[in-house]
Amino acid sequence: MNLYALSTNGRMFYFAGDIPVSFLSEVDKIAKGIYLDTTECDYQTYCNHFIMAVKEKLQIELCQKNIEYVFRK
């Protein structure tokens, strides 16, 4: 299982799953193709649409992960 990041409007979201290298550009297109209204942004809905679209179009399951803590030196 790998960790992937999705960046939108200066925010970062993380997903765990297994995306074959040959599908990375397709997943990128899916992320870019989901409309996100920046004035009334509901990021959780956006992430849910992203997960569902990847599953429907590519049969790849992703699971959203939240960062619990960032260790700093």
PDB file of N, CA and C in Angstrom:
ATOM      1  N   MET A   1       0.846  -1.173   0.000  1.00  0.00           N
ATOM      2  CA  MET A   1       0.000   0.000   0.000  1.00  0.00           C
ATOM      3  C   MET A   1       0.894   1.239   0.000  1.00  0.00           C
ATOM      4  N   ASN A   2       0.511   2.226  -0.791  1.00  0.00           N
ATOM      5  CA  ASN A   2       1.276   3.451  -0.916  1.00  0.00           C
ATOM      6  C   ASN A   2       0.452   4.641  -0.429  1.00  0.00           C
ATOM      7  N   LEU A   3       1.130   5.732  -0.164  1.00  0.00           N
ATOM      8  CA  LEU A   3       0.483   6.968   0.246  1.00  0.00           C
ATOM      9  C   LEU A   3       0.579   7.958  -0.910  1.00  0.00           C
ATOM     10  N   TYR A   4      -0.555   8.561  -1.257  1.00  0.00           N
ATOM     11  CA  TYR A   4      -0.625   9.532  -2.335  1.00  0.00           C
ATOM     12  C   TYR A   4      -1.161  10.840  -1.789  1.00  0.00           C
ATOM     13  N   ALA A   5      -0.767  11.947  -2.408  1.00  0.00           N
ATOM     14  CA  ALA A   5      -1.232  13.263  -1.981  1.00  0.00           C
ATOM     15  C   ALA A   5      -1.969  13.933  -3.133  1.00  0.00           C
ATOM     16  N   LEU A   6      -3.023  14.644  -2.787  1.00  0.00           N
ATOM     17  CA  LEU A   6      -3.801  15.426  -3.737  1.00  0.00           C
ATOM     18  C   LEU A   6      -3.772  16.866  -3.261  1.00  0.00           C
ATOM     19  N   SER A   7      -3.273  17.749  -4.093  1.00  0.00           N
ATOM     20  CA  SER A   7      -3.163  19.155  -3.734  1.00  0.00           C
ATOM     21  C   SER A   7      -4.203  19.951  -4.512  1.00  0.00           C
ATOM     22  N   THR A   8      -4.997  20.748  -3.798  1.00  0.00           N
ATOM     23  CA  THR A   8      -5.983  21.601  -4.444  1.00  0.00           C
ATOM     24  C   THR A   8      -6.175  22.863  -3.620  1.00  0.00           C
ATOM     25  N   ASN A   9      -6.114  23.993  -4.279  1.00  0.00           N
ATOM     26  CA  ASN A   9      -6.312  25.298  -3.633  1.00  0.00           C
ATOM     27  C   ASN A   9      -5.442  25.477  -2.395  1.00  0.00           C
ATOM     28  N   GLY A  10      -4.207  25.024  -2.461  1.00  0.00           N
ATOM     29  CA  GLY A  10      -3.285  25.195  -1.341  1.00  0.00           C
ATOM     30  C   GLY A  10      -3.499  24.235  -0.195  1.00  0.00           C
ATOM     31  N   ARG A  11      -4.381  23.275  -0.358  1.00  0.00           N
ATOM     32  CA  ARG A  11      -4.640  22.271   0.679  1.00  0.00           C
ATOM     33  C   ARG A  11      -4.170  20.921   0.182  1.00  0.00           C
ATOM     34  N   MET A  12      -3.741  20.091   1.116  1.00  0.00           N
ATOM     35  CA  MET A  12      -3.210  18.778   0.767  1.00  0.00           C
ATOM     36  C   MET A  12      -4.074  17.699   1.428  1.00  0.00           C
ATOM     37  N   PHE A  13      -4.407  16.693   0.638  1.00  0.00           N
ATOM     38  CA  PHE A  13      -5.190  15.556   1.123  1.00  0.00           C
ATOM     39  C   PHE A  13      -4.417  14.288   0.794  1.00  0.00           C
ATOM     40  N   TYR A  14      -4.532  13.287   1.659  1.00  0.00           N
ATOM     41  CA  TYR A  14      -3.734  12.076   1.525  1.00  0.00           C
ATOM     42  C   TYR A  14      -4.638  10.861   1.374  1.00  0.00           C
ATOM     43  N   PHE A  15      -4.175   9.942   0.541  1.00  0.00           N
ATOM     44  CA  PHE A  15      -4.932   8.727   0.256  1.00  0.00           C
ATOM     45  C   PHE A  15      -3.985   7.538   0.235  1.00  0.00           C
ATOM     46  N   ALA A  16      -4.450   6.427   0.742  1.00  0.00           N
ATOM     47  CA  ALA A  16      -3.680   5.181   0.712  1.00  0.00           C
ATOM     48  C   ALA A  16      -4.316   4.255  -0.312  1.00  0.00           C
ATOM     49  N   GLY A  17      -3.471   3.492  -1.001  1.00  0.00           N
ATOM     50  CA  GLY A  17      -3.954   2.542  -1.985  1.00  0.00           C
ATOM     51  C   GLY A  17      -2.815   2.046  -2.840  1.00  0.00           C
ATOM     52  N   ASP A  18      -3.161   1.359  -3.895  1.00  0.00           N
ATOM     53  CA  ASP A  18      -2.172   0.839  -4.850  1.00  0.00           C
ATOM     54  C   ASP A  18      -2.586   1.248  -6.254  1.00  0.00           C
ATOM     55  N   ILE A  19      -1.933   2.280  -6.765  1.00  0.00           N
ATOM     56  CA  ILE A  19      -2.199   2.758  -8.116  1.00  0.00           C
ATOM     57  C   ILE A  19      -1.026   2.328  -9.000  1.00  0.00           C
ATOM     58  N   PRO A  20      -1.288   1.515 -10.011  1.00  0.00           N
ATOM     59  CA  PRO A  20      -0.207   1.143 -10.918  1.00  0.00           C
ATOM     60  C   PRO A  20       0.375   2.391 -11.595  1.00  0.00           C
ATOM     61  N   VAL A  21       1.665   2.387 -11.827  1.00  0.00           N
ATOM     62  CA  VAL A  21       2.339   3.536 -12.433  1.00  0.00           C
ATOM     63  C   VAL A  21       1.663   3.929 -13.742  1.00  0.00           C
ATOM     64  N   SER A  22       1.213   2.958 -14.495  1.00  0.00           N
ATOM     65  CA  SER A  22       0.587   3.232 -15.789  1.00  0.00           C
ATOM     66  C   SER A  22      -0.744   3.984 -15.661  1.00  0.00           C
ATOM     67  N   PHE A  23      -1.313   4.033 -14.457  1.00  0.00           N
ATOM     68  CA  PHE A  23      -2.598   4.707 -14.235  1.00  0.00           C
ATOM     69  C   PHE A  23      -2.445   6.079 -13.585  1.00  0.00           C
ATOM     70  N   LEU A  24      -1.243   6.486 -13.230  1.00  0.00           N
ATOM     71  CA  LEU A  24      -1.064   7.743 -12.507  1.00  0.00           C
ATOM     72  C   LEU A  24      -1.573   8.944 -13.294  1.00  0.00           C
ATOM     73  N   SER A  25      -1.331   8.986 -14.590  1.00  0.00           N
ATOM     74  CA  SER A  25      -1.814  10.123 -15.383  1.00  0.00           C
ATOM     75  C   SER A  25      -3.337  10.135 -15.455  1.00  0.00           C
ATOM     76  N   GLU A  26      -3.963   8.963 -15.467  1.00  0.00           N
ATOM     77  CA  GLU A  26      -5.427   8.888 -15.475  1.00  0.00           C
ATOM     78  C   GLU A  26      -6.010   9.397 -14.154  1.00  0.00           C
ATOM     79  N   VAL A  27      -5.372   9.035 -13.051  1.00  0.00           N
ATOM     80  CA  VAL A  27      -5.839   9.515 -11.743  1.00  0.00           C
ATOM     81  C   VAL A  27      -5.676  11.030 -11.675  1.00  0.00           C
ATOM     82  N   ASP A  28      -4.593  11.543 -12.221  1.00  0.00           N
ATOM     83  CA  ASP A  28      -4.373  12.987 -12.263  1.00  0.00           C
ATOM     84  C   ASP A  28      -5.480  13.680 -13.061  1.00  0.00           C
ATOM     85  N   LYS A  29      -5.875  13.102 -14.183  1.00  0.00           N
ATOM     86  CA  LYS A  29      -6.962  13.662 -14.997  1.00  0.00           C
ATOM     87  C   LYS A  29      -8.283  13.644 -14.232  1.00  0.00           C
ATOM     88  N   ILE A  30      -8.518  12.577 -13.494  1.00  0.00           N
ATOM     89  CA  ILE A  30      -9.746  12.494 -12.698  1.00  0.00           C
ATOM     90  C   ILE A  30      -9.777  13.616 -11.666  1.00  0.00           C
ATOM     91  N   ALA A  31      -8.667  13.818 -10.971  1.00  0.00           N
ATOM     92  CA  ALA A  31      -8.597  14.867  -9.940  1.00  0.00           C
ATOM     93  C   ALA A  31      -8.847  16.243 -10.552  1.00  0.00           C
ATOM     94  N   LYS A  32      -8.271  16.484 -11.716  1.00  0.00           N
ATOM     95  CA  LYS A  32      -8.434  17.787 -12.383  1.00  0.00           C
ATOM     96  C   LYS A  32      -9.826  17.962 -12.958  1.00  0.00           C
ATOM     97  N   GLY A  33     -10.514  16.863 -13.234  1.00  0.00           N
ATOM     98  CA  GLY A  33     -11.835  16.926 -13.860  1.00  0.00           C
ATOM     99  C   GLY A  33     -12.986  17.125 -12.901  1.00  0.00           C
ATOM    100  N   ILE A  34     -12.735  17.072 -11.621  1.00  0.00           N
ATOM    101  CA  ILE A  34     -13.799  17.255 -10.632  1.00  0.00           C
ATOM    102  C   ILE A  34     -13.914  18.738 -10.325  1.00  0.00           C
ATOM    103  N   TYR A  35     -15.097  19.296 -10.550  1.00  0.00           N
ATOM    104  CA  TYR A  35     -15.315  20.725 -10.330  1.00  0.00           C
ATOM    105  C   TYR A  35     -15.281  21.044  -8.843  1.00  0.00           C
ATOM    106  N   LEU A  36     -14.566  22.112  -8.504  1.00  0.00           N
ATOM    107  CA  LEU A  36     -14.459  22.554  -7.116  1.00  0.00           C
ATOM    108  C   LEU A  36     -14.714  24.052  -7.079  1.00  0.00           C
ATOM    109  N   ASP A  37     -15.840  24.451  -6.481  1.00  0.00           N
ATOM    110  CA  ASP A  37     -16.181  25.863  -6.340  1.00  0.00           C
ATOM    111  C   ASP A  37     -15.352  26.445  -5.210  1.00  0.00           C
ATOM    112  N   THR A  38     -14.427  27.332  -5.544  1.00  0.00           N
ATOM    113  CA  THR A  38     -13.513  27.860  -4.531  1.00  0.00           C
ATOM    114  C   THR A  38     -14.185  28.835  -3.576  1.00  0.00           C
ATOM    115  N   THR A  39     -15.372  29.330  -3.918  1.00  0.00           N
ATOM    116  CA  THR A  39     -16.063  30.252  -3.009  1.00  0.00           C
ATOM    117  C   THR A  39     -16.849  29.512  -1.941  1.00  0.00           C
ATOM    118  N   GLU A  40     -17.350  28.355  -2.275  1.00  0.00           N
ATOM    119  CA  GLU A  40     -18.120  27.555  -1.310  1.00  0.00           C
ATOM    120  C   GLU A  40     -17.533  26.147  -1.294  1.00  0.00           C
ATOM    121  N   CYS A  41     -16.319  26.054  -0.857  1.00  0.00           N
ATOM    122  CA  CYS A  41     -15.567  24.818  -0.967  1.00  0.00           C
ATOM    123  C   CYS A  41     -15.903  23.832   0.149  1.00  0.00           C
ATOM    124  N   ASP A  42     -16.323  22.670  -0.244  1.00  0.00           N
ATOM    125  CA  ASP A  42     -16.539  21.571   0.687  1.00  0.00           C
ATOM    126  C   ASP A  42     -15.520  20.495   0.304  1.00  0.00           C
ATOM    127  N   TYR A  43     -14.373  20.541   0.962  1.00  0.00           N
ATOM    128  CA  TYR A  43     -13.274  19.653   0.578  1.00  0.00           C
ATOM    129  C   TYR A  43     -13.593  18.182   0.812  1.00  0.00           C
ATOM    130  N   GLN A  44     -14.381  17.870   1.820  1.00  0.00           N
ATOM    131  CA  GLN A  44     -14.704  16.469   2.075  1.00  0.00           C
ATOM    132  C   GLN A  44     -15.534  15.899   0.927  1.00  0.00           C
ATOM    133  N   THR A  45     -16.464  16.689   0.415  1.00  0.00           N
ATOM    134  CA  THR A  45     -17.261  16.250  -0.727  1.00  0.00           C
ATOM    135  C   THR A  45     -16.367  16.046  -1.947  1.00  0.00           C
ATOM    136  N   TYR A  46     -15.429  16.971  -2.156  1.00  0.00           N
ATOM    137  CA  TYR A  46     -14.482  16.846  -3.264  1.00  0.00           C
ATOM    138  C   TYR A  46     -13.689  15.542  -3.141  1.00  0.00           C
ATOM    139  N   CYS A  47     -13.173  15.258  -1.951  1.00  0.00           N
ATOM    140  CA  CYS A  47     -12.401  14.026  -1.732  1.00  0.00           C
ATOM    141  C   CYS A  47     -13.262  12.787  -1.965  1.00  0.00           C
ATOM    142  N   ASN A  48     -14.504  12.831  -1.504  1.00  0.00           N
ATOM    143  CA  ASN A  48     -15.407  11.695  -1.718  1.00  0.00           C
ATOM    144  C   ASN A  48     -15.666  11.471  -3.207  1.00  0.00           C
ATOM    145  N   HIS A  49     -15.881  12.560  -3.965  1.00  0.00           N
ATOM    146  CA  HIS A  49     -16.086  12.445  -5.411  1.00  0.00           C
ATOM    147  C   HIS A  49     -14.831  11.878  -6.080  1.00  0.00           C
ATOM    148  N   PHE A  50     -13.666  12.320  -5.626  1.00  0.00           N
ATOM    149  CA  PHE A  50     -12.404  11.822  -6.179  1.00  0.00           C
ATOM    150  C   PHE A  50     -12.282  10.317  -5.947  1.00  0.00           C
ATOM    151  N   ILE A  51     -12.502   9.865  -4.724  1.00  0.00           N
ATOM    152  CA  ILE A  51     -12.413   8.439  -4.393  1.00  0.00           C
ATOM    153  C   ILE A  51     -13.391   7.622  -5.230  1.00  0.00           C
ATOM    154  N   MET A  52     -14.638   8.104  -5.336  1.00  0.00           N
ATOM    155  CA  MET A  52     -15.661   7.376  -6.101  1.00  0.00           C
ATOM    156  C   MET A  52     -15.321   7.337  -7.584  1.00  0.00           C
ATOM    157  N   ALA A  53     -14.820   8.451  -8.130  1.00  0.00           N
ATOM    158  CA  ALA A  53     -14.489   8.492  -9.552  1.00  0.00           C
ATOM    159  C   ALA A  53     -13.334   7.553  -9.890  1.00  0.00           C
ATOM    160  N   VAL A  54     -12.331   7.500  -9.035  1.00  0.00           N
ATOM    161  CA  VAL A  54     -11.199   6.588  -9.261  1.00  0.00           C
ATOM    162  C   VAL A  54     -11.681   5.140  -9.222  1.00  0.00           C
ATOM    163  N   LYS A  55     -12.570   4.840  -8.292  1.00  0.00           N
ATOM    164  CA  LYS A  55     -13.088   3.475  -8.184  1.00  0.00           C
ATOM    165  C   LYS A  55     -13.943   3.113  -9.405  1.00  0.00           C
ATOM    166  N   GLU A  56     -14.825   4.028  -9.809  1.00  0.00           N
ATOM    167  CA  GLU A  56     -15.714   3.759 -10.947  1.00  0.00           C
ATOM    168  C   GLU A  56     -14.948   3.625 -12.257  1.00  0.00           C
ATOM    169  N   LYS A  57     -14.010   4.527 -12.503  1.00  0.00           N
ATOM    170  CA  LYS A  57     -13.331   4.568 -13.801  1.00  0.00           C
ATOM    171  C   LYS A  57     -12.157   3.604 -13.904  1.00  0.00           C
ATOM    172  N   LEU A  58     -11.472   3.356 -12.791  1.00  0.00           N
ATOM    173  CA  LEU A  58     -10.251   2.549 -12.852  1.00  0.00           C
ATOM    174  C   LEU A  58     -10.287   1.300 -11.973  1.00  0.00           C
ATOM    175  N   GLN A  59     -11.362   1.103 -11.219  1.00  0.00           N
ATOM    176  CA  GLN A  59     -11.497  -0.023 -10.295  1.00  0.00           C
ATOM    177  C   GLN A  59     -10.349  -0.056  -9.282  1.00  0.00           C
ATOM    178  N   ILE A  60      -9.941   1.127  -8.830  1.00  0.00           N
ATOM    179  CA  ILE A  60      -8.890   1.250  -7.821  1.00  0.00           C
ATOM    180  C   ILE A  60      -9.507   1.846  -6.566  1.00  0.00           C
ATOM    181  N   GLU A  61      -9.300   1.180  -5.452  1.00  0.00           N
ATOM    182  CA  GLU A  61      -9.839   1.662  -4.184  1.00  0.00           C
ATOM    183  C   GLU A  61      -8.801   2.504  -3.459  1.00  0.00           C
ATOM    184  N   LEU A  62      -9.228   3.692  -3.081  1.00  0.00           N
ATOM    185  CA  LEU A  62      -8.389   4.572  -2.281  1.00  0.00           C
ATOM    186  C   LEU A  62      -9.097   4.851  -0.966  1.00  0.00           C
ATOM    187  N   CYS A  63      -8.310   5.074   0.047  1.00  0.00           N
ATOM    188  CA  CYS A  63      -8.836   5.370   1.377  1.00  0.00           C
ATOM    189  C   CYS A  63      -8.209   6.676   1.848  1.00  0.00           C
ATOM    190  N   GLN A  64      -9.043   7.642   2.200  1.00  0.00           N
ATOM    191  CA  GLN A  64      -8.507   8.927   2.661  1.00  0.00           C
ATOM    192  C   GLN A  64      -7.843   8.752   4.020  1.00  0.00           C
ATOM    193  N   LYS A  65      -6.696   9.383   4.173  1.00  0.00           N
ATOM    194  CA  LYS A  65      -5.933   9.333   5.421  1.00  0.00           C
ATOM    195  C   LYS A  65      -5.706  10.757   5.915  1.00  0.00           C
ATOM    196  N   ASN A  66      -5.821  10.937   7.204  1.00  0.00           N
ATOM    197  CA  ASN A  66      -5.557  12.236   7.810  1.00  0.00           C
ATOM    198  C   ASN A  66      -4.228  12.183   8.548  1.00  0.00           C
ATOM    199  N   ILE A  67      -3.517  13.273   8.499  1.00  0.00           N
ATOM    200  CA  ILE A  67      -2.251  13.368   9.219  1.00  0.00           C
ATOM    201  C   ILE A  67      -2.572  13.646  10.677  1.00  0.00           C
ATOM    202  N   GLU A  68      -2.112  12.779  11.540  1.00  0.00           N
ATOM    203  CA  GLU A  68      -2.378  12.912  12.971  1.00  0.00           C
ATOM    204  C   GLU A  68      -1.441  13.916  13.631  1.00  0.00           C
ATOM    205  N   TYR A  69      -0.175  13.868  13.243  1.00  0.00           N
ATOM    206  CA  TYR A  69       0.810  14.722  13.899  1.00  0.00           C
ATOM    207  C   TYR A  69       2.026  14.865  13.001  1.00  0.00           C
ATOM    208  N   VAL A  70       2.624  16.022  13.004  1.00  0.00           N
ATOM    209  CA  VAL A  70       3.857  16.255  12.251  1.00  0.00           C
ATOM    210  C   VAL A  70       4.984  16.474  13.246  1.00  0.00           C
ATOM    211  N   PHE A  71       5.987  15.618  13.177  1.00  0.00           N
ATOM    212  CA  PHE A  71       7.144  15.739  14.055  1.00  0.00           C
ATOM    213  C   PHE A  71       8.125  16.730  13.432  1.00  0.00           C
ATOM    214  N   ARG A  72       8.666  17.605  14.210  1.00  0.00           N
ATOM    215  CA  ARG A  72       9.578  18.615  13.707  1.00  0.00           C
ATOM    216  C   ARG A  72      10.885  18.567  14.480  1.00  0.00           C
ATOM    217  N   LYS A  73      11.937  18.872  13.790  1.00  0.00           N
ATOM    218  CA  LYS A  73      13.243  18.920  14.421  1.00  0.00           C
ATOM    219  C   LYS A  73      13.618  20.358  14.680  1.00  0.00           C
TER     220      LYS A  73
END
